[in-house]
Amino acid sequence: MIKLRLKRFGKKQEASFRLVAMEASVRREGRPLEVLGFYNPRNKETRLETEAIRRRLEQGAQPTETVRHLLQRGGLLPKPERPVKTPQASEA
């Protein structure tokens, strides 16, 4: 199964991440099938290759939770709907 996940790079204590498509069984620092974007958590910089990401999602790639949040923030995935709280009658 192909996963969309983050691959760490950069200096110690100054991590940045590449958004990559990889086989699920490959280790985090393994060779990616395709580089799909970039994320820097220090300044919240995000660059996404939207066409390539859409193509991978259509092919059945599964994003990790962190990547899912990045894609939702970038507008590539719909944001989850929050359940609406309904007022309940107090029991007395």
Protein backbone atom coordinates (compact mmCIF):
# COMPACT_ATOMS: atom_id res chain seq x y z
CA MET A 1 0.00 0.00 0.00
CA ILE A 2 1.26 3.48 -0.83
CA LYS A 3 1.30 6.06 1.97
CA LEU A 4 1.65 9.82 1.79
CA ARG A 5 3.94 10.72 4.68
CA LEU A 6 6.64 13.08 5.88
CA LYS A 7 10.35 12.41 5.39
CA ARG A 8 12.66 14.29 7.75
CA PHE A 9 15.68 16.26 6.56
CA GLY A 10 17.71 19.25 7.74
CA LYS A 11 20.09 19.96 10.60
CA LYS A 12 19.79 18.75 14.17
CA GLN A 13 17.14 20.72 16.06
CA GLU A 14 16.08 22.38 12.75
CA ALA A 15 14.02 19.69 11.10
CA SER A 16 12.13 20.20 7.88
CA PHE A 17 10.07 17.62 6.09
CA ARG A 18 9.37 16.52 2.55
CA LEU A 19 5.91 15.22 1.74
CA VAL A 20 6.53 11.97 -0.14
CA ALA A 21 4.71 8.96 -1.54
CA MET A 22 6.26 5.71 -0.25
CA GLU A 23 5.41 2.08 0.18
CA ALA A 24 4.08 1.54 3.71
CA SER A 25 6.70 -1.13 4.46
CA VAL A 26 9.68 1.15 3.66
CA ARG A 27 11.48 2.86 6.56
CA ARG A 28 11.06 6.61 7.07
CA GLU A 29 14.42 7.51 5.51
CA GLY A 30 14.01 5.11 2.58
CA ARG A 31 13.76 6.05 -1.07
CA PRO A 32 10.43 7.71 -1.94
CA LEU A 33 8.42 6.93 -5.05
CA GLU A 34 7.76 10.65 -5.56
CA VAL A 35 8.34 13.94 -3.71
CA LEU A 36 5.03 15.79 -3.43
CA GLY A 37 5.80 18.84 -1.33
CA PHE A 38 7.62 20.47 1.55
CA TYR A 39 6.74 21.41 5.16
CA ASN A 40 8.72 23.51 7.65
CA PRO A 41 7.11 23.36 11.11
CA ARG A 42 9.18 26.27 12.47
CA ASN A 43 7.60 28.93 10.28
CA LYS A 44 4.60 26.85 9.06
CA GLU A 45 5.79 27.10 5.45
CA THR A 46 4.05 24.54 3.25
CA ARG A 47 4.44 23.90 -0.47
CA LEU A 48 2.26 21.24 -2.08
CA GLU A 49 2.26 19.92 -5.64
CA THR A 50 -1.51 19.72 -5.92
CA GLU A 51 -1.79 17.83 -9.22
CA ALA A 52 0.63 15.10 -8.13
CA ILE A 53 -1.06 14.75 -4.74
CA ARG A 54 -4.53 14.48 -6.32
CA ARG A 55 -3.23 11.83 -8.73
CA ARG A 56 -1.76 9.77 -5.85
CA LEU A 57 -4.98 10.05 -3.83
CA GLU A 58 -7.02 8.90 -6.84
CA GLN A 59 -4.68 5.91 -7.17
CA GLY A 60 -5.54 4.93 -3.59
CA ALA A 61 -2.65 6.35 -1.55
CA GLN A 62 -3.45 6.76 2.15
CA PRO A 63 -2.20 9.91 3.96
CA THR A 64 -0.94 9.69 7.54
CA GLU A 65 -2.75 11.78 10.17
CA THR A 66 -0.21 14.62 10.03
CA VAL A 67 -0.27 14.71 6.23
CA ARG A 68 -4.08 14.60 6.30
CA HIS A 69 -4.09 17.78 8.43
CA LEU A 70 -1.65 19.48 6.05
CA LEU A 71 -3.80 18.54 3.05
CA GLN A 72 -6.94 19.80 4.79
CA ARG A 73 -5.20 23.10 5.55
CA GLY A 74 -4.10 23.30 1.91
CA GLY A 75 -7.64 22.66 0.64
CA LEU A 76 -6.93 19.29 -0.99
CA LEU A 77 -9.09 17.29 1.43
CA PRO A 78 -12.40 18.33 2.97
CA LYS A 79 -12.26 19.33 6.62
CA PRO A 80 -14.11 16.94 8.94
CA GLU A 81 -17.45 18.19 10.14
CA ARG A 82 -17.73 18.72 13.85
CA PRO A 83 -20.76 17.16 15.50
CA VAL A 84 -23.37 19.71 16.52
CA LYS A 85 -24.20 19.65 20.20
CA THR A 86 -27.91 19.57 20.88
CA PRO A 87 -29.22 20.92 24.17
CA GLN A 88 -30.59 18.14 26.33
CA ALA A 89 -33.36 18.54 28.87
CA SER A 90 -32.04 18.35 32.40
CA GLU A 91 -33.34 15.44 34.40
CA ALA A 92 -34.92 16.58 37.65
